């Protein structure tokens, strides 16, 4: 899953003007750090759906699944199986 984490980190970095995730640990909040907000979280979900051929249900669109890199990767591992 390291490749997935790197791909997601690259995507988020490319979407954060002048930003970098390198200073954040995988367990730090992307929301609190200002890396993502509610709109960019939807963009991230769309990216994950198209990149990994998954479907994110509305009730799964919660901060716990998308707030940290660890949370995103854990959620994705469950979705992909």
PDB file of N, CA and C in Angstrom:
ATOM      1  N   UNK A   1       0.810  -1.206   0.000  1.00  0.00           N
ATOM      2  CA  UNK A   1       0.000   0.000   0.000  1.00  0.00           C
ATOM      3  C   UNK A   1       0.851   1.266   0.000  1.00  0.00           C
ATOM      4  N   UNK A   2       2.168   1.085   0.036  1.00  0.00           N
ATOM      5  CA  UNK A   2       3.048   2.250  -0.002  1.00  0.00           C
ATOM      6  C   UNK A   2       2.854   3.026  -1.290  1.00  0.00           C
ATOM      7  N   UNK A   3       2.673   2.302  -2.390  1.00  0.00           N
ATOM      8  CA  UNK A   3       2.455   2.970  -3.678  1.00  0.00           C
ATOM      9  C   UNK A   3       1.180   3.807  -3.622  1.00  0.00           C
ATOM     10  N   UNK A   4       0.133   3.266  -3.015  1.00  0.00           N
ATOM     11  CA  UNK A   4      -1.124   4.000  -2.907  1.00  0.00           C
ATOM     12  C   UNK A   4      -0.921   5.264  -2.079  1.00  0.00           C
ATOM     13  N   UNK A   5      -0.231   5.147  -0.969  1.00  0.00           N
ATOM     14  CA  UNK A   5      -0.003   6.302  -0.107  1.00  0.00           C
ATOM     15  C   UNK A   5       0.798   7.370  -0.856  1.00  0.00           C
ATOM     16  N   UNK A   6       1.799   6.949  -1.607  1.00  0.00           N
ATOM     17  CA  UNK A   6       2.604   7.899  -2.386  1.00  0.00           C
ATOM     18  C   UNK A   6       1.753   8.579  -3.452  1.00  0.00           C
ATOM     19  N   UNK A   7       0.890   7.816  -4.111  1.00  0.00           N
ATOM     20  CA  UNK A   7       0.035   8.380  -5.160  1.00  0.00           C
ATOM     21  C   UNK A   7      -0.937   9.394  -4.569  1.00  0.00           C
ATOM     22  N   UNK A   8      -1.538   9.068  -3.441  1.00  0.00           N
ATOM     23  CA  UNK A   8      -2.490   9.972  -2.798  1.00  0.00           C
ATOM     24  C   UNK A   8      -1.770  11.225  -2.308  1.00  0.00           C
ATOM     25  N   UNK A   9      -0.592  11.054  -1.722  1.00  0.00           N
ATOM     26  CA  UNK A   9       0.196  12.195  -1.248  1.00  0.00           C
ATOM     27  C   UNK A   9       0.556  13.104  -2.429  1.00  0.00           C
ATOM     28  N   UNK A  10       0.956  12.511  -3.548  1.00  0.00           N
ATOM     29  CA  UNK A  10       1.293  13.298  -4.744  1.00  0.00           C
ATOM     30  C   UNK A  10       0.067  14.068  -5.233  1.00  0.00           C
ATOM     31  N   UNK A  11      -1.082  13.399  -5.272  1.00  0.00           N
ATOM     32  CA  UNK A  11      -2.316  14.071  -5.703  1.00  0.00           C
ATOM     33  C   UNK A  11      -2.620  15.260  -4.796  1.00  0.00           C
ATOM     34  N   UNK A  12      -2.599  15.035  -3.493  1.00  0.00           N
ATOM     35  CA  UNK A  12      -2.926  16.112  -2.557  1.00  0.00           C
ATOM     36  C   UNK A  12      -1.929  17.264  -2.660  1.00  0.00           C
ATOM     37  N   UNK A  13      -0.653  16.949  -2.831  1.00  0.00           N
ATOM     38  CA  UNK A  13       0.363  17.988  -2.979  1.00  0.00           C
ATOM     39  C   UNK A  13       0.109  18.804  -4.238  1.00  0.00           C
ATOM     40  N   UNK A  14      -0.285  18.127  -5.320  1.00  0.00           N
ATOM     41  CA  UNK A  14      -0.541  18.841  -6.578  1.00  0.00           C
ATOM     42  C   UNK A  14      -1.781  19.723  -6.487  1.00  0.00           C
ATOM     43  N   UNK A  15      -2.678  19.411  -5.561  1.00  0.00           N
ATOM     44  CA  UNK A  15      -3.908  20.184  -5.402  1.00  0.00           C
ATOM     45  C   UNK A  15      -3.792  21.297  -4.360  1.00  0.00           C
ATOM     46  N   UNK A  16      -2.665  21.345  -3.668  1.00  0.00           N
ATOM     47  CA  UNK A  16      -2.465  22.331  -2.607  1.00  0.00           C
ATOM     48  C   UNK A  16      -1.504  23.397  -3.124  1.00  0.00           C
ATOM     49  N   UNK A  17      -2.018  24.557  -3.515  1.00  0.00           N
ATOM     50  CA  UNK A  17      -1.159  25.604  -4.084  1.00  0.00           C
ATOM     51  C   UNK A  17       0.006  25.960  -3.159  1.00  0.00           C
ATOM     52  N   UNK A  18       1.203  25.728  -3.655  1.00  0.00           N
ATOM     53  CA  UNK A  18       2.400  26.050  -2.888  1.00  0.00           C
ATOM     54  C   UNK A  18       2.584  25.194  -1.649  1.00  0.00           C
ATOM     55  N   UNK A  19       1.748  24.194  -1.509  1.00  0.00           N
ATOM     56  CA  UNK A  19       1.797  23.374  -0.304  1.00  0.00           C
ATOM     57  C   UNK A  19       2.548  22.081  -0.504  1.00  0.00           C
ATOM     58  N   UNK A  20       2.938  21.523   0.589  1.00  0.00           N
ATOM     59  CA  UNK A  20       3.603  20.238   0.574  1.00  0.00           C
ATOM     60  C   UNK A  20       3.171  19.470   1.802  1.00  0.00           C
ATOM     61  N   UNK A  21       3.036  18.188   1.638  1.00  0.00           N
ATOM     62  CA  UNK A  21       2.643  17.344   2.752  1.00  0.00           C
ATOM     63  C   UNK A  21       3.846  16.746   3.467  1.00  0.00           C
ATOM     64  N   UNK A  22       5.044  17.068   2.986  1.00  0.00           N
ATOM     65  CA  UNK A  22       6.240  16.447   3.535  1.00  0.00           C
ATOM     66  C   UNK A  22       6.430  16.721   5.014  1.00  0.00           C
ATOM     67  N   UNK A  23       5.948  17.849   5.501  1.00  0.00           N
ATOM     68  CA  UNK A  23       6.136  18.169   6.914  1.00  0.00           C
ATOM     69  C   UNK A  23       5.080  17.506   7.801  1.00  0.00           C
ATOM     70  N   UNK A  24       4.058  16.924   7.204  1.00  0.00           N
ATOM     71  CA  UNK A  24       2.999  16.272   7.971  1.00  0.00           C
ATOM     72  C   UNK A  24       3.274  14.782   8.117  1.00  0.00           C
ATOM     73  N   UNK A  25       2.973  14.258   9.307  1.00  0.00           N
ATOM     74  CA  UNK A  25       3.040  12.810   9.485  1.00  0.00           C
ATOM     75  C   UNK A  25       1.767  12.204   8.924  1.00  0.00           C
ATOM     76  N   UNK A  26       1.785  10.905   8.757  1.00  0.00           N
ATOM     77  CA  UNK A  26       0.619  10.224   8.190  1.00  0.00           C
ATOM     78  C   UNK A  26      -0.588  10.238   9.117  1.00  0.00           C
ATOM     79  N   UNK A  27      -0.355  10.552  10.393  1.00  0.00           N
ATOM     80  CA  UNK A  27      -1.469  10.564  11.343  1.00  0.00           C
ATOM     81  C   UNK A  27      -1.974  11.971  11.659  1.00  0.00           C
ATOM     82  N   UNK A  28      -1.353  12.997  11.085  1.00  0.00           N
ATOM     83  CA  UNK A  28      -1.796  14.375  11.325  1.00  0.00           C
ATOM     84  C   UNK A  28      -2.998  14.717  10.458  1.00  0.00           C
ATOM     85  N   UNK A  29      -3.858  15.565  10.990  1.00  0.00           N
ATOM     86  CA  UNK A  29      -5.083  15.956  10.305  1.00  0.00           C
ATOM     87  C   UNK A  29      -4.799  16.834   9.093  1.00  0.00           C
ATOM     88  N   UNK A  30      -5.246  16.369   7.927  1.00  0.00           N
ATOM     89  CA  UNK A  30      -5.125  17.159   6.704  1.00  0.00           C
ATOM     90  C   UNK A  30      -6.083  18.343   6.755  1.00  0.00           C
ATOM     91  N   UNK A  31      -7.209  18.168   7.462  1.00  0.00           N
ATOM     92  CA  UNK A  31      -8.180  19.254   7.614  1.00  0.00           C
ATOM     93  C   UNK A  31      -7.595  20.374   8.472  1.00  0.00           C
ATOM     94  N   UNK A  32      -7.050  20.020   9.635  1.00  0.00           N
ATOM     95  CA  UNK A  32      -6.489  21.026  10.543  1.00  0.00           C
ATOM     96  C   UNK A  32      -5.277  21.720   9.942  1.00  0.00           C
ATOM     97  N   UNK A  33      -4.515  21.004   9.119  1.00  0.00           N
ATOM     98  CA  UNK A  33      -3.332  21.587   8.488  1.00  0.00           C
ATOM     99  C   UNK A  33      -3.698  22.467   7.296  1.00  0.00           C
ATOM    100  N   UNK A  34      -4.973  22.465   6.914  1.00  0.00           N
ATOM    101  CA  UNK A  34      -5.410  23.286   5.791  1.00  0.00           C
ATOM    102  C   UNK A  34      -5.099  22.690   4.432  1.00  0.00           C
ATOM    103  N   UNK A  35      -4.731  21.411   4.409  1.00  0.00           N
ATOM    104  CA  UNK A  35      -4.427  20.750   3.137  1.00  0.00           C
ATOM    105  C   UNK A  35      -5.707  20.475   2.367  1.00  0.00           C
ATOM    106  N   UNK A  36      -6.747  20.068   3.086  1.00  0.00           N
ATOM    107  CA  UNK A  36      -8.038  19.843   2.450  1.00  0.00           C
ATOM    108  C   UNK A  36      -9.137  20.541   3.239  1.00  0.00           C
ATOM    109  N   UNK A  37     -10.227  20.839   2.538  1.00  0.00           N
ATOM    110  CA  UNK A  37     -11.442  21.346   3.168  1.00  0.00           C
ATOM    111  C   UNK A  37     -12.591  20.513   2.608  1.00  0.00           C
ATOM    112  N   UNK A  38     -13.806  20.892   2.882  1.00  0.00           N
ATOM    113  CA  UNK A  38     -14.938  20.066   2.453  1.00  0.00           C
ATOM    114  C   UNK A  38     -15.003  19.917   0.929  1.00  0.00           C
ATOM    115  N   UNK A  39     -14.692  20.980   0.203  1.00  0.00           N
ATOM    116  CA  UNK A  39     -14.734  20.897  -1.259  1.00  0.00           C
ATOM    117  C   UNK A  39     -13.595  20.036  -1.808  1.00  0.00           C
ATOM    118  N   UNK A  40     -12.390  20.243  -1.293  1.00  0.00           N
ATOM    119  CA  UNK A  40     -11.272  19.442  -1.801  1.00  0.00           C
ATOM    120  C   UNK A  40     -11.381  17.990  -1.345  1.00  0.00           C
ATOM    121  N   UNK A  41     -12.104  17.732  -0.237  1.00  0.00           N
ATOM    122  CA  UNK A  41     -12.342  16.352   0.167  1.00  0.00           C
ATOM    123  C   UNK A  41     -13.209  15.654  -0.877  1.00  0.00           C
ATOM    124  N   UNK A  42     -14.194  16.373  -1.424  1.00  0.00           N
ATOM    125  CA  UNK A  42     -15.018  15.799  -2.487  1.00  0.00           C
ATOM    126  C   UNK A  42     -14.190  15.542  -3.741  1.00  0.00           C
ATOM    127  N   UNK A  43     -13.275  16.457  -4.045  1.00  0.00           N
ATOM    128  CA  UNK A  43     -12.371  16.253  -5.185  1.00  0.00           C
ATOM    129  C   UNK A  43     -11.495  15.020  -4.959  1.00  0.00           C
ATOM    130  N   UNK A  44     -10.991  14.869  -3.737  1.00  0.00           N
ATOM    131  CA  UNK A  44     -10.174  13.702  -3.400  1.00  0.00           C
ATOM    132  C   UNK A  44     -10.982  12.423  -3.570  1.00  0.00           C
ATOM    133  N   UNK A  45     -12.208  12.424  -3.101  1.00  0.00           N
ATOM    134  CA  UNK A  45     -13.062  11.241  -3.230  1.00  0.00           C
ATOM    135  C   UNK A  45     -13.295  10.901  -4.696  1.00  0.00           C
ATOM    136  N   UNK A  46     -13.551  11.910  -5.510  1.00  0.00           N
ATOM    137  CA  UNK A  46     -13.728  11.691  -6.952  1.00  0.00           C
ATOM    138  C   UNK A  46     -12.462  11.101  -7.559  1.00  0.00           C
ATOM    139  N   UNK A  47     -11.317  11.633  -7.149  1.00  0.00           N
ATOM    140  CA  UNK A  47     -10.023  11.119  -7.630  1.00  0.00           C
ATOM    141  C   UNK A  47      -9.852   9.650  -7.236  1.00  0.00           C
ATOM    142  N   UNK A  48     -10.131   9.324  -5.985  1.00  0.00           N
ATOM    143  CA  UNK A  48      -9.973   7.949  -5.511  1.00  0.00           C
ATOM    144  C   UNK A  48     -10.918   7.002  -6.242  1.00  0.00           C
ATOM    145  N   UNK A  49     -12.146   7.454  -6.472  1.00  0.00           N
ATOM    146  CA  UNK A  49     -13.114   6.619  -7.185  1.00  0.00           C
ATOM    147  C   UNK A  49     -12.635   6.313  -8.603  1.00  0.00           C
ATOM    148  N   UNK A  50     -12.134   7.319  -9.305  1.00  0.00           N
ATOM    149  CA  UNK A  50     -11.715   7.086 -10.687  1.00  0.00           C
ATOM    150  C   UNK A  50     -10.375   6.349 -10.765  1.00  0.00           C
ATOM    151  N   UNK A  51      -9.462   6.643  -9.862  1.00  0.00           N
ATOM    152  CA  UNK A  51      -8.142   6.013  -9.903  1.00  0.00           C
ATOM    153  C   UNK A  51      -8.189   4.548  -9.480  1.00  0.00           C
ATOM    154  N   UNK A  52      -8.988   4.248  -8.473  1.00  0.00           N
ATOM    155  CA  UNK A  52      -8.996   2.898  -7.900  1.00  0.00           C
ATOM    156  C   UNK A  52     -10.275   2.112  -8.203  1.00  0.00           C
ATOM    157  N   UNK A  53     -11.109   2.635  -9.088  1.00  0.00           N
ATOM    158  CA  UNK A  53     -12.335   1.955  -9.519  1.00  0.00           C
ATOM    159  C   UNK A  53     -13.179   1.492  -8.333  1.00  0.00           C
ATOM    160  N   UNK A  54     -13.431   2.440  -7.438  1.00  0.00           N
ATOM    161  CA  UNK A  54     -14.283   2.157  -6.291  1.00  0.00           C
ATOM    162  C   UNK A  54     -15.458   3.123  -6.305  1.00  0.00           C
ATOM    163  N   UNK A  55     -16.409   2.888  -5.435  1.00  0.00           N
ATOM    164  CA  UNK A  55     -17.522   3.801  -5.252  1.00  0.00           C
ATOM    165  C   UNK A  55     -17.615   4.108  -3.762  1.00  0.00           C
ATOM    166  N   UNK A  56     -17.564   5.382  -3.428  1.00  0.00           N
ATOM    167  CA  UNK A  56     -17.647   5.817  -2.040  1.00  0.00           C
ATOM    168  C   UNK A  56     -19.101   6.169  -1.753  1.00  0.00           C
ATOM    169  N   UNK A  57     -19.697   5.429  -0.831  1.00  0.00           N
ATOM    170  CA  UNK A  57     -21.086   5.696  -0.455  1.00  0.00           C
ATOM    171  C   UNK A  57     -21.163   6.983   0.352  1.00  0.00           C
ATOM    172  N   UNK A  58     -22.312   7.634   0.288  1.00  0.00           N
ATOM    173  CA  UNK A  58     -22.494   8.906   0.982  1.00  0.00           C
ATOM    174  C   UNK A  58     -22.231   8.783   2.483  1.00  0.00           C
ATOM    175  N   UNK A  59     -22.648   7.683   3.095  1.00  0.00           N
ATOM    176  CA  UNK A  59     -22.438   7.518   4.528  1.00  0.00           C
ATOM    177  C   UNK A  59     -20.985   7.219   4.890  1.00  0.00           C
ATOM    178  N   UNK A  60     -20.137   6.994   3.885  1.00  0.00           N
ATOM    179  CA  UNK A  60     -18.706   6.787   4.110  1.00  0.00           C
ATOM    180  C   UNK A  60     -17.916   8.090   3.972  1.00  0.00           C
ATOM    181  N   UNK A  61     -18.572   9.142   3.529  1.00  0.00           N
ATOM    182  CA  UNK A  61     -17.916  10.441   3.332  1.00  0.00           C
ATOM    183  C   UNK A  61     -17.835  11.192   4.654  1.00  0.00           C
ATOM    184  N   UNK A  62     -17.045  10.626   5.558  1.00  0.00           N
ATOM    185  CA  UNK A  62     -16.889  11.206   6.889  1.00  0.00           C
ATOM    186  C   UNK A  62     -15.422  11.537   7.123  1.00  0.00           C
ATOM    187  N   UNK A  63     -15.146  12.534   7.949  1.00  0.00           N
ATOM    188  CA  UNK A  63     -13.758  12.933   8.186  1.00  0.00           C
ATOM    189  C   UNK A  63     -12.858  11.786   8.643  1.00  0.00           C
ATOM    190  N   UNK A  64     -13.377  10.862   9.419  1.00  0.00           N
ATOM    191  CA  UNK A  64     -12.548   9.758   9.902  1.00  0.00           C
ATOM    192  C   UNK A  64     -11.912   8.964   8.763  1.00  0.00           C
ATOM    193  N   UNK A  65     -12.586   8.886   7.634  1.00  0.00           N
ATOM    194  CA  UNK A  65     -12.060   8.137   6.489  1.00  0.00           C
ATOM    195  C   UNK A  65     -11.100   8.949   5.632  1.00  0.00           C
ATOM    196  N   UNK A  66     -11.133  10.267   5.737  1.00  0.00           N
ATOM    197  CA  UNK A  66     -10.366  11.096   4.812  1.00  0.00           C
ATOM    198  C   UNK A  66      -9.552  12.197   5.484  1.00  0.00           C
ATOM    199  N   UNK A  67      -9.487  12.210   6.807  1.00  0.00           N
ATOM    200  CA  UNK A  67      -8.820  13.299   7.514  1.00  0.00           C
ATOM    201  C   UNK A  67      -7.304  13.151   7.572  1.00  0.00           C
ATOM    202  N   UNK A  68      -6.798  11.923   7.590  1.00  0.00           N
ATOM    203  CA  UNK A  68      -5.352  11.691   7.671  1.00  0.00           C
ATOM    204  C   UNK A  68      -4.933  10.743   6.551  1.00  0.00           C
ATOM    205  N   UNK A  69      -3.648  10.723   6.259  1.00  0.00           N
ATOM    206  CA  UNK A  69      -3.138   9.776   5.265  1.00  0.00           C
ATOM    207  C   UNK A  69      -3.390   8.348   5.741  1.00  0.00           C
ATOM    208  N   UNK A  70      -3.146   8.084   7.027  1.00  0.00           N
ATOM    209  CA  UNK A  70      -3.397   6.746   7.569  1.00  0.00           C
ATOM    210  C   UNK A  70      -4.866   6.366   7.417  1.00  0.00           C
ATOM    211  N   UNK A  71      -5.764   7.316   7.691  1.00  0.00           N
ATOM    212  CA  UNK A  71      -7.194   7.056   7.568  1.00  0.00           C
ATOM    213  C   UNK A  71      -7.600   6.762   6.137  1.00  0.00           C
ATOM    214  N   UNK A  72      -7.064   7.527   5.205  1.00  0.00           N
ATOM    215  CA  UNK A  72      -7.389   7.329   3.785  1.00  0.00           C
ATOM    216  C   UNK A  72      -6.927   5.947   3.327  1.00  0.00           C
ATOM    217  N   UNK A  73      -5.681   5.602   3.652  1.00  0.00           N
ATOM    218  CA  UNK A  73      -5.136   4.315   3.209  1.00  0.00           C
ATOM    219  C   UNK A  73      -5.887   3.159   3.870  1.00  0.00           C
ATOM    220  N   UNK A  74      -6.209   3.288   5.139  1.00  0.00           N
ATOM    221  CA  UNK A  74      -6.964   2.245   5.837  1.00  0.00           C
ATOM    222  C   UNK A  74      -8.334   2.062   5.195  1.00  0.00           C
ATOM    223  N   UNK A  75      -8.998   3.169   4.926  1.00  0.00           N
ATOM    224  CA  UNK A  75     -10.312   3.119   4.267  1.00  0.00           C
ATOM    225  C   UNK A  75     -10.191   2.457   2.896  1.00  0.00           C
ATOM    226  N   UNK A  76      -9.186   2.844   2.130  1.00  0.00           N
ATOM    227  CA  UNK A  76      -9.009   2.307   0.788  1.00  0.00           C
ATOM    228  C   UNK A  76      -8.716   0.806   0.841  1.00  0.00           C
ATOM    229  N   UNK A  77      -7.936   0.362   1.820  1.00  0.00           N
ATOM    230  CA  UNK A  77      -7.649  -1.066   1.951  1.00  0.00           C
ATOM    231  C   UNK A  77      -8.936  -1.848   2.189  1.00  0.00           C
ATOM    232  N   UNK A  78      -9.829  -1.296   3.017  1.00  0.00           N
ATOM    233  CA  UNK A  78     -11.112  -1.950   3.254  1.00  0.00           C
ATOM    234  C   UNK A  78     -11.970  -1.974   1.987  1.00  0.00           C
ATOM    235  N   UNK A  79     -11.971  -0.868   1.231  1.00  0.00           N
ATOM    236  CA  UNK A  79     -12.787  -0.792   0.014  1.00  0.00           C
ATOM    237  C   UNK A  79     -12.297  -1.749  -1.062  1.00  0.00           C
ATOM    238  N   UNK A  80     -10.992  -1.809  -1.226  1.00  0.00           N
ATOM    239  CA  UNK A  80     -10.422  -2.650  -2.289  1.00  0.00           C
ATOM    240  C   UNK A  80     -10.424  -4.110  -1.872  1.00  0.00           C
ATOM    241  N   UNK A  81     -10.287  -4.332  -0.558  1.00  0.00           N
ATOM    242  CA  UNK A  81     -10.322  -5.708  -0.055  1.00  0.00           C
ATOM    243  C   UNK A  81      -8.997  -6.335  -0.146  1.00  0.00           C
TER     244      UNK A  81
END
